[in-house]
Amino acid sequence: MIIGLTGGIGTGKSTVSKMMRGFDWVVVDADVIARQVVEPHEPAFEAIVEAFGDDIVSEETGTINREKLGRIVFDDEEKRERLNSIVHPAVREAMKAEAEEAKDYGAEVVVMDIPLLIESDLFHMVERTVLVYAPEEQQIERVMERNGLTEDEVRARLRAQLPIEEKKQRVDDVIDNSGSLEELEAEVSAYVETIHNLLA
């Protein structure tokens, strides 16, 4: 089964995907693949530099300076769409290939960790969806603490995603991460059991 795992910033999606790996589930991570497809000499790298200029390439490393690029696209929807139109197709192809490979090697459950699964309407890539949920105020607190951002900066990032309550309505399952780490572990275990029962 291919499961689409999604969430919002500060909901704890990466923690959940780590826990899922502990159950021998294969996790294909969109963020990791998004970094790979924009490495120097990859087609997406060339296309991004062409679209946004040589300034976004770090002189020291020759790679794309993600922070600089992030600042350019965060408040400009047109530029963000332009970047997404380059990166997303490359990421999708690579994720599909990785999931197929895992299934060929006998993986029973492949989790596609896709932050913007709902926003990008990628339901066709998976058989079932699960959202890691935390209320918006908790998202804001966590991201301020983790990234040292102001409340306004976090809210600006949240505006680039669908509201978490809306996402909740559009998925098959929800893993609630509004409590402690122990409670989250119990939520993930229960979810894994549910899926294994479905496959039995």
N, C-alpha and C. Protein backbone atom coordinates (compact mmCIF):
# COMPACT_ATOMS: atom_id res chain seq x y z
N MET A 1 0.84 -1.20 0.00
CA MET A 1 0.00 0.00 0.00
C MET A 1 0.88 1.25 0.00
N ILE A 2 0.47 2.23 -0.77
CA ILE A 2 1.19 3.51 -0.76
C ILE A 2 0.36 4.52 0.02
N ILE A 3 0.96 5.03 1.09
CA ILE A 3 0.26 5.99 1.96
C ILE A 3 0.88 7.37 1.77
N GLY A 4 0.03 8.38 1.63
CA GLY A 4 0.52 9.76 1.56
C GLY A 4 0.47 10.37 2.96
N LEU A 5 1.63 10.75 3.47
CA LEU A 5 1.72 11.37 4.80
C LEU A 5 1.88 12.88 4.61
N THR A 6 1.04 13.66 5.27
CA THR A 6 1.15 15.10 5.13
C THR A 6 0.91 15.77 6.48
N GLY A 7 1.07 17.09 6.51
CA GLY A 7 0.90 17.82 7.76
C GLY A 7 0.99 19.30 7.46
N GLY A 8 1.42 20.08 8.43
CA GLY A 8 1.67 21.50 8.21
C GLY A 8 2.95 21.81 8.96
N ILE A 9 3.49 23.01 8.79
CA ILE A 9 4.72 23.30 9.53
C ILE A 9 4.43 23.24 11.02
N GLY A 10 5.34 22.62 11.74
CA GLY A 10 5.19 22.54 13.19
C GLY A 10 4.21 21.49 13.69
N THR A 11 3.70 20.62 12.79
CA THR A 11 2.77 19.59 13.27
C THR A 11 3.51 18.34 13.75
N GLY A 12 4.79 18.19 13.34
CA GLY A 12 5.56 17.03 13.79
C GLY A 12 5.60 15.89 12.78
N LYS A 13 5.44 16.25 11.50
CA LYS A 13 5.40 15.23 10.45
C LYS A 13 6.71 14.44 10.37
N SER A 14 7.85 15.12 10.50
CA SER A 14 9.14 14.40 10.39
C SER A 14 9.31 13.42 11.55
N THR A 15 8.81 13.80 12.73
CA THR A 15 8.88 12.90 13.89
C THR A 15 8.05 11.65 13.59
N VAL A 16 6.87 11.84 13.02
CA VAL A 16 6.00 10.70 12.70
C VAL A 16 6.64 9.82 11.63
N SER A 17 7.25 10.43 10.61
CA SER A 17 7.85 9.59 9.55
C SER A 17 9.01 8.78 10.11
N LYS A 18 9.76 9.36 11.07
CA LYS A 18 10.84 8.59 11.73
C LYS A 18 10.25 7.40 12.49
N MET A 19 9.16 7.64 13.19
CA MET A 19 8.51 6.55 13.95
C MET A 19 8.03 5.45 13.00
N MET A 20 7.49 5.85 11.84
CA MET A 20 6.99 4.87 10.88
C MET A 20 8.13 4.00 10.34
N ARG A 21 9.30 4.61 10.16
CA ARG A 21 10.46 3.82 9.71
C ARG A 21 10.78 2.72 10.72
N GLY A 22 10.52 3.01 12.00
CA GLY A 22 10.77 2.04 13.06
C GLY A 22 9.89 0.80 12.94
N PHE A 23 8.81 0.88 12.16
CA PHE A 23 7.93 -0.28 11.95
C PHE A 23 8.25 -0.98 10.62
N ASP A 24 9.45 -0.70 10.11
CA ASP A 24 9.89 -1.28 8.82
C ASP A 24 9.07 -0.80 7.64
N TRP A 25 8.46 0.36 7.78
CA TRP A 25 7.80 0.96 6.62
C TRP A 25 8.85 1.76 5.85
N VAL A 26 8.75 1.72 4.53
CA VAL A 26 9.68 2.51 3.71
C VAL A 26 9.12 3.91 3.59
N VAL A 27 9.93 4.93 3.90
CA VAL A 27 9.46 6.31 3.79
C VAL A 27 10.20 6.99 2.65
N VAL A 28 9.45 7.49 1.69
CA VAL A 28 10.01 8.26 0.58
C VAL A 28 9.72 9.73 0.91
N ASP A 29 10.77 10.49 1.17
CA ASP A 29 10.63 11.85 1.70
C ASP A 29 10.75 12.91 0.61
N ALA A 30 9.65 13.63 0.37
CA ALA A 30 9.63 14.65 -0.69
C ALA A 30 10.68 15.74 -0.45
N ASP A 31 10.91 16.12 0.83
CA ASP A 31 11.90 17.18 1.11
C ASP A 31 13.31 16.73 0.75
N VAL A 32 13.64 15.48 1.07
CA VAL A 32 14.97 14.94 0.74
C VAL A 32 15.13 14.91 -0.77
N ILE A 33 14.10 14.41 -1.46
CA ILE A 33 14.17 14.32 -2.92
C ILE A 33 14.20 15.71 -3.55
N ALA A 34 13.47 16.66 -2.95
CA ALA A 34 13.48 18.04 -3.48
C ALA A 34 14.90 18.62 -3.42
N ARG A 35 15.67 18.22 -2.41
CA ARG A 35 17.07 18.70 -2.34
C ARG A 35 17.93 18.01 -3.39
N GLN A 36 17.65 16.71 -3.61
CA GLN A 36 18.46 15.96 -4.59
C GLN A 36 18.24 16.48 -6.01
N VAL A 37 16.98 16.78 -6.36
CA VAL A 37 16.71 17.17 -7.75
C VAL A 37 17.24 18.56 -8.10
N VAL A 38 17.63 19.34 -7.07
CA VAL A 38 18.18 20.68 -7.37
C VAL A 38 19.69 20.74 -7.13
N GLU A 39 20.32 19.56 -7.04
CA GLU A 39 21.79 19.52 -6.93
C GLU A 39 22.37 20.05 -8.25
N PRO A 40 23.59 20.63 -8.18
CA PRO A 40 24.23 21.09 -9.42
C PRO A 40 24.25 19.97 -10.46
N HIS A 41 24.09 20.35 -11.72
CA HIS A 41 24.10 19.45 -12.88
C HIS A 41 22.80 18.67 -13.07
N GLU A 42 21.86 18.79 -12.12
CA GLU A 42 20.54 18.18 -12.34
C GLU A 42 19.74 19.16 -13.21
N PRO A 43 18.82 18.64 -14.07
CA PRO A 43 18.06 19.55 -14.95
C PRO A 43 17.31 20.65 -14.19
N ALA A 44 16.75 20.32 -13.01
CA ALA A 44 16.00 21.33 -12.25
C ALA A 44 16.91 22.45 -11.75
N PHE A 45 18.15 22.12 -11.42
CA PHE A 45 19.12 23.14 -10.96
C PHE A 45 19.32 24.18 -12.06
N GLU A 46 19.59 23.69 -13.27
CA GLU A 46 19.83 24.60 -14.41
C GLU A 46 18.61 25.49 -14.64
N ALA A 47 17.43 24.88 -14.58
CA ALA A 47 16.19 25.63 -14.85
C ALA A 47 15.94 26.71 -13.79
N ILE A 48 16.26 26.40 -12.52
CA ILE A 48 16.04 27.38 -11.44
C ILE A 48 17.00 28.55 -11.58
N VAL A 49 18.26 28.25 -11.89
CA VAL A 49 19.25 29.33 -12.04
C VAL A 49 18.87 30.22 -13.22
N GLU A 50 18.38 29.59 -14.27
CA GLU A 50 17.95 30.36 -15.44
C GLU A 50 16.78 31.28 -15.08
N ALA A 51 15.87 30.76 -14.24
CA ALA A 51 14.67 31.53 -13.88
C ALA A 51 14.96 32.63 -12.85
N PHE A 52 15.87 32.36 -11.91
CA PHE A 52 16.05 33.30 -10.78
C PHE A 52 17.42 33.96 -10.71
N GLY A 53 18.31 33.63 -11.65
CA GLY A 53 19.60 34.33 -11.72
C GLY A 53 20.71 33.65 -10.93
N ASP A 54 21.96 33.97 -11.32
CA ASP A 54 23.15 33.36 -10.70
C ASP A 54 23.31 33.75 -9.24
N ASP A 55 22.65 34.84 -8.82
CA ASP A 55 22.78 35.31 -7.43
C ASP A 55 22.37 34.27 -6.40
N ILE A 56 21.49 33.35 -6.80
CA ILE A 56 21.00 32.38 -5.82
C ILE A 56 21.96 31.21 -5.62
N VAL A 57 23.05 31.18 -6.41
CA VAL A 57 24.03 30.10 -6.25
C VAL A 57 25.11 30.54 -5.27
N SER A 58 25.35 29.71 -4.27
CA SER A 58 26.36 30.03 -3.25
C SER A 58 27.76 29.96 -3.88
N GLU A 59 28.56 31.02 -3.65
CA GLU A 59 29.92 31.05 -4.23
C GLU A 59 30.79 29.96 -3.62
N GLU A 60 30.59 29.68 -2.32
CA GLU A 60 31.44 28.68 -1.64
C GLU A 60 31.15 27.26 -2.12
N THR A 61 29.85 26.92 -2.21
CA THR A 61 29.52 25.51 -2.45
C THR A 61 29.06 25.22 -3.88
N GLY A 62 28.66 26.25 -4.62
CA GLY A 62 28.16 26.03 -5.98
C GLY A 62 26.74 25.47 -6.01
N THR A 63 26.11 25.38 -4.81
CA THR A 63 24.74 24.87 -4.75
C THR A 63 23.78 26.05 -4.59
N ILE A 64 22.48 25.77 -4.71
CA ILE A 64 21.49 26.84 -4.57
C ILE A 64 21.40 27.24 -3.10
N ASN A 65 21.45 28.55 -2.85
CA ASN A 65 21.27 29.06 -1.49
C ASN A 65 19.77 29.09 -1.21
N ARG A 66 19.32 28.07 -0.44
CA ARG A 66 17.88 27.88 -0.23
C ARG A 66 17.23 29.06 0.49
N GLU A 67 17.99 29.66 1.42
CA GLU A 67 17.42 30.80 2.17
C GLU A 67 17.19 31.99 1.24
N LYS A 68 18.18 32.25 0.39
CA LYS A 68 18.07 33.37 -0.55
C LYS A 68 16.90 33.16 -1.51
N LEU A 69 16.80 31.94 -2.02
CA LEU A 69 15.71 31.61 -2.94
C LEU A 69 14.37 31.68 -2.21
N GLY A 70 14.36 31.19 -0.96
CA GLY A 70 13.15 31.23 -0.14
C GLY A 70 12.64 32.65 0.04
N ARG A 71 13.58 33.58 0.27
CA ARG A 71 13.19 34.99 0.47
C ARG A 71 12.58 35.57 -0.80
N ILE A 72 13.12 35.15 -1.95
CA ILE A 72 12.61 35.68 -3.22
C ILE A 72 11.17 35.20 -3.47
N VAL A 73 10.91 33.92 -3.15
CA VAL A 73 9.60 33.37 -3.55
C VAL A 73 8.52 33.44 -2.46
N PHE A 74 8.92 33.63 -1.19
CA PHE A 74 7.92 33.51 -0.12
C PHE A 74 6.75 34.46 -0.26
N ASP A 75 7.03 35.73 -0.56
CA ASP A 75 5.93 36.69 -0.60
C ASP A 75 5.45 36.99 -2.01
N ASP A 76 5.96 36.24 -2.98
CA ASP A 76 5.61 36.52 -4.37
C ASP A 76 5.02 35.26 -5.00
N GLU A 77 3.71 35.26 -5.11
CA GLU A 77 3.03 34.04 -5.55
C GLU A 77 3.44 33.61 -6.96
N GLU A 78 3.62 34.60 -7.83
CA GLU A 78 3.99 34.29 -9.22
C GLU A 78 5.34 33.58 -9.27
N LYS A 79 6.30 34.11 -8.49
CA LYS A 79 7.64 33.50 -8.47
C LYS A 79 7.61 32.13 -7.80
N ARG A 80 6.77 32.02 -6.76
CA ARG A 80 6.67 30.73 -6.07
C ARG A 80 6.12 29.67 -7.03
N GLU A 81 5.10 30.09 -7.82
CA GLU A 81 4.52 29.15 -8.78
C GLU A 81 5.54 28.75 -9.85
N ARG A 82 6.36 29.72 -10.23
CA ARG A 82 7.38 29.43 -11.24
C ARG A 82 8.38 28.39 -10.71
N LEU A 83 8.80 28.59 -9.45
CA LEU A 83 9.73 27.64 -8.83
C LEU A 83 9.09 26.26 -8.72
N ASN A 84 7.84 26.24 -8.25
CA ASN A 84 7.13 24.96 -8.08
C ASN A 84 6.96 24.23 -9.41
N SER A 85 6.75 24.99 -10.47
CA SER A 85 6.53 24.34 -11.78
C SER A 85 7.82 23.67 -12.28
N ILE A 86 8.96 24.08 -11.72
CA ILE A 86 10.22 23.43 -12.08
C ILE A 86 10.48 22.24 -11.15
N VAL A 87 10.33 22.49 -9.85
CA VAL A 87 10.74 21.48 -8.86
C VAL A 87 9.73 20.33 -8.73
N HIS A 88 8.43 20.66 -8.67
CA HIS A 88 7.45 19.61 -8.36
C HIS A 88 7.42 18.43 -9.35
N PRO A 89 7.42 18.68 -10.67
CA PRO A 89 7.40 17.52 -11.58
C PRO A 89 8.64 16.63 -11.39
N ALA A 90 9.80 17.26 -11.17
CA ALA A 90 11.04 16.48 -10.98
C ALA A 90 10.94 15.63 -9.70
N VAL A 91 10.38 16.23 -8.64
CA VAL A 91 10.23 15.51 -7.37
C VAL A 91 9.26 14.35 -7.52
N ARG A 92 8.14 14.60 -8.18
CA ARG A 92 7.12 13.56 -8.35
C ARG A 92 7.67 12.34 -9.09
N GLU A 93 8.41 12.60 -10.17
CA GLU A 93 8.98 11.49 -10.95
C GLU A 93 9.94 10.67 -10.09
N ALA A 94 10.80 11.37 -9.34
CA ALA A 94 11.79 10.68 -8.50
C ALA A 94 11.11 9.89 -7.39
N MET A 95 10.03 10.45 -6.81
CA MET A 95 9.31 9.75 -5.73
C MET A 95 8.64 8.48 -6.26
N LYS A 96 8.01 8.61 -7.42
CA LYS A 96 7.35 7.44 -8.02
C LYS A 96 8.35 6.32 -8.25
N ALA A 97 9.52 6.70 -8.79
CA ALA A 97 10.56 5.70 -9.09
C ALA A 97 11.02 5.02 -7.80
N GLU A 98 11.19 5.82 -6.73
CA GLU A 98 11.67 5.25 -5.46
C GLU A 98 10.62 4.33 -4.83
N ALA A 99 9.35 4.72 -4.92
CA ALA A 99 8.27 3.89 -4.37
C ALA A 99 8.15 2.57 -5.13
N GLU A 100 8.25 2.65 -6.46
CA GLU A 100 8.17 1.43 -7.29
C GLU A 100 9.31 0.47 -6.94
N GLU A 101 10.49 1.04 -6.75
CA GLU A 101 11.67 0.24 -6.43
C GLU A 101 11.47 -0.48 -5.09
N ALA A 102 10.92 0.27 -4.10
CA ALA A 102 10.68 -0.32 -2.78
C ALA A 102 9.68 -1.47 -2.88
N LYS A 103 8.64 -1.27 -3.69
CA LYS A 103 7.63 -2.33 -3.85
C LYS A 103 8.24 -3.55 -4.55
N ASP A 104 9.12 -3.30 -5.54
CA ASP A 104 9.79 -4.40 -6.23
C ASP A 104 10.63 -5.22 -5.25
N TYR A 105 11.16 -4.54 -4.22
CA TYR A 105 11.96 -5.25 -3.22
C TYR A 105 11.10 -5.84 -2.11
N GLY A 106 9.77 -5.78 -2.29
CA GLY A 106 8.88 -6.48 -1.37
C GLY A 106 8.35 -5.65 -0.21
N ALA A 107 8.49 -4.31 -0.26
CA ALA A 107 7.95 -3.48 0.83
C ALA A 107 6.42 -3.57 0.83
N GLU A 108 5.85 -3.82 2.01
CA GLU A 108 4.40 -3.95 2.12
C GLU A 108 3.74 -2.57 2.17
N VAL A 109 4.39 -1.66 2.91
CA VAL A 109 3.86 -0.30 3.04
C VAL A 109 4.94 0.70 2.65
N VAL A 110 4.60 1.57 1.70
CA VAL A 110 5.50 2.66 1.32
C VAL A 110 4.79 3.97 1.69
N VAL A 111 5.47 4.79 2.48
CA VAL A 111 4.90 6.07 2.90
C VAL A 111 5.53 7.17 2.06
N MET A 112 4.70 7.92 1.36
CA MET A 112 5.21 9.09 0.64
C MET A 112 4.98 10.30 1.54
N ASP A 113 6.07 10.86 2.03
CA ASP A 113 6.02 12.01 2.94
C ASP A 113 5.98 13.27 2.07
N ILE A 114 4.77 13.84 1.90
CA ILE A 114 4.58 14.96 0.97
C ILE A 114 3.94 16.14 1.70
N PRO A 115 4.74 17.16 2.09
CA PRO A 115 4.19 18.28 2.85
C PRO A 115 2.98 18.93 2.18
N LEU A 116 3.04 19.14 0.86
CA LEU A 116 1.95 19.86 0.18
C LEU A 116 1.08 18.92 -0.65
N LEU A 117 0.87 17.72 -0.13
CA LEU A 117 0.07 16.72 -0.85
C LEU A 117 -1.30 17.27 -1.24
N ILE A 118 -1.96 17.94 -0.29
CA ILE A 118 -3.32 18.43 -0.56
C ILE A 118 -3.28 19.65 -1.46
N GLU A 119 -2.39 20.61 -1.13
CA GLU A 119 -2.30 21.84 -1.94
C GLU A 119 -1.98 21.54 -3.40
N SER A 120 -1.11 20.52 -3.61
CA SER A 120 -0.69 20.20 -4.99
C SER A 120 -1.58 19.13 -5.62
N ASP A 121 -2.63 18.71 -4.89
CA ASP A 121 -3.59 17.72 -5.39
C ASP A 121 -2.87 16.47 -5.90
N LEU A 122 -2.10 15.83 -5.01
CA LEU A 122 -1.32 14.65 -5.40
C LEU A 122 -1.96 13.35 -4.91
N PHE A 123 -3.28 13.39 -4.72
CA PHE A 123 -3.98 12.21 -4.23
C PHE A 123 -3.80 11.00 -5.17
N HIS A 124 -3.63 11.30 -6.48
CA HIS A 124 -3.49 10.20 -7.45
C HIS A 124 -2.21 9.40 -7.25
N MET A 125 -1.24 9.96 -6.48
CA MET A 125 0.03 9.25 -6.30
C MET A 125 -0.04 8.21 -5.17
N VAL A 126 -1.10 8.27 -4.36
CA VAL A 126 -1.17 7.40 -3.17
C VAL A 126 -2.51 6.68 -3.10
N GLU A 127 -2.56 5.64 -2.24
CA GLU A 127 -3.82 4.89 -2.10
C GLU A 127 -4.61 5.33 -0.88
N ARG A 128 -3.91 5.96 0.07
CA ARG A 128 -4.57 6.37 1.31
C ARG A 128 -3.80 7.56 1.87
N THR A 129 -4.49 8.45 2.60
CA THR A 129 -3.80 9.64 3.11
C THR A 129 -3.93 9.75 4.62
N VAL A 130 -2.88 10.28 5.25
CA VAL A 130 -2.92 10.52 6.70
C VAL A 130 -2.29 11.87 6.99
N LEU A 131 -2.94 12.61 7.87
CA LEU A 131 -2.48 13.96 8.25
C LEU A 131 -1.95 13.94 9.68
N VAL A 132 -0.76 14.53 9.88
CA VAL A 132 -0.28 14.75 11.25
C VAL A 132 -0.85 16.10 11.66
N TYR A 133 -1.64 16.08 12.73
CA TYR A 133 -2.42 17.26 13.11
C TYR A 133 -1.94 17.88 14.42
N ALA A 134 -1.87 19.20 14.42
CA ALA A 134 -1.74 19.96 15.67
C ALA A 134 -2.50 21.26 15.42
N PRO A 135 -3.20 21.82 16.44
CA PRO A 135 -3.95 23.06 16.24
C PRO A 135 -3.02 24.19 15.81
N GLU A 136 -3.57 25.15 15.06
CA GLU A 136 -2.75 26.23 14.49
C GLU A 136 -1.91 26.98 15.53
N GLU A 137 -2.51 27.29 16.68
CA GLU A 137 -1.74 28.04 17.70
C GLU A 137 -0.52 27.25 18.15
N GLN A 138 -0.67 25.93 18.21
CA GLN A 138 0.45 25.07 18.60
C GLN A 138 1.51 25.04 17.50
N GLN A 139 1.07 25.03 16.25
CA GLN A 139 2.00 25.09 15.12
C GLN A 139 2.86 26.35 15.25
N ILE A 140 2.19 27.48 15.52
CA ILE A 140 2.90 28.76 15.59
C ILE A 140 3.94 28.74 16.72
N GLU A 141 3.52 28.28 17.90
CA GLU A 141 4.45 28.21 19.05
C GLU A 141 5.66 27.35 18.72
N ARG A 142 5.41 26.16 18.16
CA ARG A 142 6.50 25.22 17.87
C ARG A 142 7.49 25.80 16.88
N VAL A 143 6.98 26.42 15.81
CA VAL A 143 7.88 26.93 14.78
C VAL A 143 8.67 28.14 15.28
N MET A 144 8.02 28.99 16.10
CA MET A 144 8.74 30.13 16.68
C MET A 144 9.90 29.63 17.53
N GLU A 145 9.61 28.60 18.32
CA GLU A 145 10.62 28.04 19.22
C GLU A 145 11.73 27.35 18.44
N ARG A 146 11.34 26.55 17.44
CA ARG A 146 12.31 25.74 16.70
C ARG A 146 13.19 26.57 15.76
N ASN A 147 12.55 27.52 15.05
CA ASN A 147 13.29 28.25 14.00
C ASN A 147 13.67 29.66 14.39
N GLY A 148 13.27 30.07 15.61
CA GLY A 148 13.60 31.43 16.04
C GLY A 148 12.92 32.50 15.19
N LEU A 149 11.71 32.21 14.70
CA LEU A 149 10.99 33.19 13.86
C LEU A 149 10.01 33.97 14.72
N THR A 150 9.59 35.12 14.20
CA THR A 150 8.56 35.90 14.91
C THR A 150 7.20 35.30 14.56
N GLU A 151 6.19 35.67 15.33
CA GLU A 151 4.84 35.16 15.07
C GLU A 151 4.38 35.55 13.66
N ASP A 152 4.68 36.79 13.24
CA ASP A 152 4.28 37.26 11.90
C ASP A 152 4.93 36.42 10.81
N GLU A 153 6.21 36.08 11.01
CA GLU A 153 6.92 35.28 10.00
C GLU A 153 6.29 33.88 9.89
N VAL A 154 5.94 33.31 11.03
CA VAL A 154 5.32 31.98 11.01
C VAL A 154 3.95 32.05 10.34
N ARG A 155 3.18 33.09 10.68
CA ARG A 155 1.84 33.22 10.07
C ARG A 155 1.95 33.38 8.55
N ALA A 156 2.98 34.10 8.09
CA ALA A 156 3.18 34.27 6.64
C ALA A 156 3.42 32.91 5.99
N ARG A 157 4.20 32.06 6.67
CA ARG A 157 4.46 30.72 6.12
C ARG A 157 3.20 29.86 6.14
N LEU A 158 2.42 30.01 7.19
CA LEU A 158 1.17 29.24 7.28
C LEU A 158 0.21 29.65 6.16
N ARG A 159 0.25 30.93 5.79
CA ARG A 159 -0.65 31.40 4.72
C ARG A 159 -0.33 30.74 3.38
N ALA A 160 0.91 30.25 3.24
CA ALA A 160 1.30 29.60 1.98
C ALA A 160 0.78 28.15 1.93
N GLN A 161 0.18 27.69 3.05
CA GLN A 161 -0.37 26.34 3.10
C GLN A 161 -1.87 26.43 3.39
N LEU A 162 -2.58 25.36 3.09
CA LEU A 162 -4.00 25.31 3.46
C LEU A 162 -4.11 25.28 4.97
N PRO A 163 -5.13 25.91 5.57
CA PRO A 163 -5.29 25.82 7.02
C PRO A 163 -5.41 24.36 7.47
N ILE A 164 -4.80 24.05 8.60
CA ILE A 164 -4.74 22.67 9.09
C ILE A 164 -6.14 22.06 9.28
N GLU A 165 -7.11 22.89 9.71
CA GLU A 165 -8.47 22.36 9.93
C GLU A 165 -9.10 21.92 8.60
N GLU A 166 -8.75 22.65 7.55
CA GLU A 166 -9.28 22.31 6.22
C GLU A 166 -8.62 21.02 5.71
N LYS A 167 -7.31 20.90 5.98
CA LYS A 167 -6.61 19.68 5.56
C LYS A 167 -7.23 18.45 6.21
N LYS A 168 -7.61 18.63 7.48
CA LYS A 168 -8.17 17.54 8.28
C LYS A 168 -9.40 16.93 7.60
N GLN A 169 -10.16 17.78 6.92
CA GLN A 169 -11.40 17.33 6.26
C GLN A 169 -11.12 16.54 4.98
N ARG A 170 -9.87 16.62 4.48
CA ARG A 170 -9.62 16.10 3.13
C ARG A 170 -8.78 14.82 3.10
N VAL A 171 -8.51 14.25 4.29
CA VAL A 171 -7.68 13.04 4.34
C VAL A 171 -8.48 11.86 4.88
N ASP A 172 -7.92 10.66 4.70
CA ASP A 172 -8.58 9.45 5.20
C ASP A 172 -8.40 9.29 6.71
N ASP A 173 -7.19 9.59 7.18
CA ASP A 173 -6.87 9.35 8.60
C ASP A 173 -6.14 10.54 9.20
N VAL A 174 -6.20 10.65 10.54
CA VAL A 174 -5.53 11.75 11.24
C VAL A 174 -4.71 11.17 12.39
N ILE A 175 -3.45 11.61 12.50
CA ILE A 175 -2.63 11.28 13.66
C ILE A 175 -2.52 12.57 14.47
N ASP A 176 -3.05 12.55 15.69
CA ASP A 176 -3.12 13.77 16.51
C ASP A 176 -1.80 13.97 17.26
N ASN A 177 -1.13 15.09 16.99
CA ASN A 177 0.12 15.39 17.69
C ASN A 177 -0.03 16.67 18.52
N SER A 178 -1.14 16.76 19.26
CA SER A 178 -1.31 17.95 20.10
C SER A 178 -0.88 17.65 21.53
N GLY A 179 -0.47 16.38 21.79
CA GLY A 179 -0.09 16.01 23.15
C GLY A 179 1.41 15.77 23.30
N SER A 180 1.76 14.83 24.18
CA SER A 180 3.17 14.55 24.48
C SER A 180 3.75 13.59 23.44
N LEU A 181 5.06 13.40 23.51
CA LEU A 181 5.74 12.47 22.59
C LEU A 181 5.22 11.04 22.81
N GLU A 182 4.97 10.68 24.07
CA GLU A 182 4.46 9.34 24.39
C GLU A 182 3.08 9.14 23.76
N GLU A 183 2.25 10.19 23.83
CA GLU A 183 0.91 10.10 23.23
C GLU A 183 1.01 9.95 21.72
N LEU A 184 1.99 10.65 21.14
CA LEU A 184 2.18 10.56 19.69
C LEU A 184 2.62 9.14 19.31
N GLU A 185 3.53 8.56 20.10
CA GLU A 185 3.99 7.19 19.82
C GLU A 185 2.81 6.22 19.83
N ALA A 186 1.89 6.42 20.79
CA ALA A 186 0.70 5.56 20.88
C ALA A 186 -0.20 5.75 19.66
N GLU A 187 -0.34 7.02 19.22
CA GLU A 187 -1.17 7.32 18.02
C GLU A 187 -0.59 6.62 16.79
N VAL A 188 0.74 6.70 16.65
CA VAL A 188 1.39 6.10 15.47
C VAL A 188 1.26 4.58 15.51
N SER A 189 1.48 3.99 16.68
CA SER A 189 1.35 2.51 16.80
C SER A 189 -0.05 2.07 16.43
N ALA A 190 -1.06 2.80 16.93
CA ALA A 190 -2.45 2.44 16.63
C ALA A 190 -2.72 2.55 15.13
N TYR A 191 -2.15 3.58 14.50
CA TYR A 191 -2.34 3.78 13.06
C TYR A 191 -1.70 2.63 12.27
N VAL A 192 -0.47 2.27 12.66
CA VAL A 192 0.24 1.17 11.99
C VAL A 192 -0.57 -0.11 12.08
N GLU A 193 -1.12 -0.35 13.25
CA GLU A 193 -1.94 -1.56 13.47
C GLU A 193 -3.17 -1.55 12.56
N THR A 194 -3.81 -0.37 12.46
CA THR A 194 -5.00 -0.23 11.59
C THR A 194 -4.65 -0.62 10.15
N ILE A 195 -3.52 -0.10 9.68
CA ILE A 195 -3.11 -0.37 8.28
C ILE A 195 -2.78 -1.85 8.11
N HIS A 196 -2.06 -2.43 9.07
CA HIS A 196 -1.72 -3.85 8.96
C HIS A 196 -2.98 -4.72 8.96
N ASN A 197 -3.99 -4.31 9.74
CA ASN A 197 -5.26 -5.04 9.74
C ASN A 197 -5.95 -4.95 8.39
N LEU A 198 -5.87 -3.77 7.76
CA LEU A 198 -6.48 -3.60 6.43
C LEU A 198 -5.80 -4.49 5.40
N LEU A 199 -4.49 -4.66 5.59
CA LEU A 199 -3.72 -5.45 4.60
C LEU A 199 -3.81 -6.95 4.86
N ALA A 200 -4.23 -7.30 6.07
CA ALA A 200 -4.24 -8.73 6.47
C ALA A 200 -5.23 -9.53 5.63
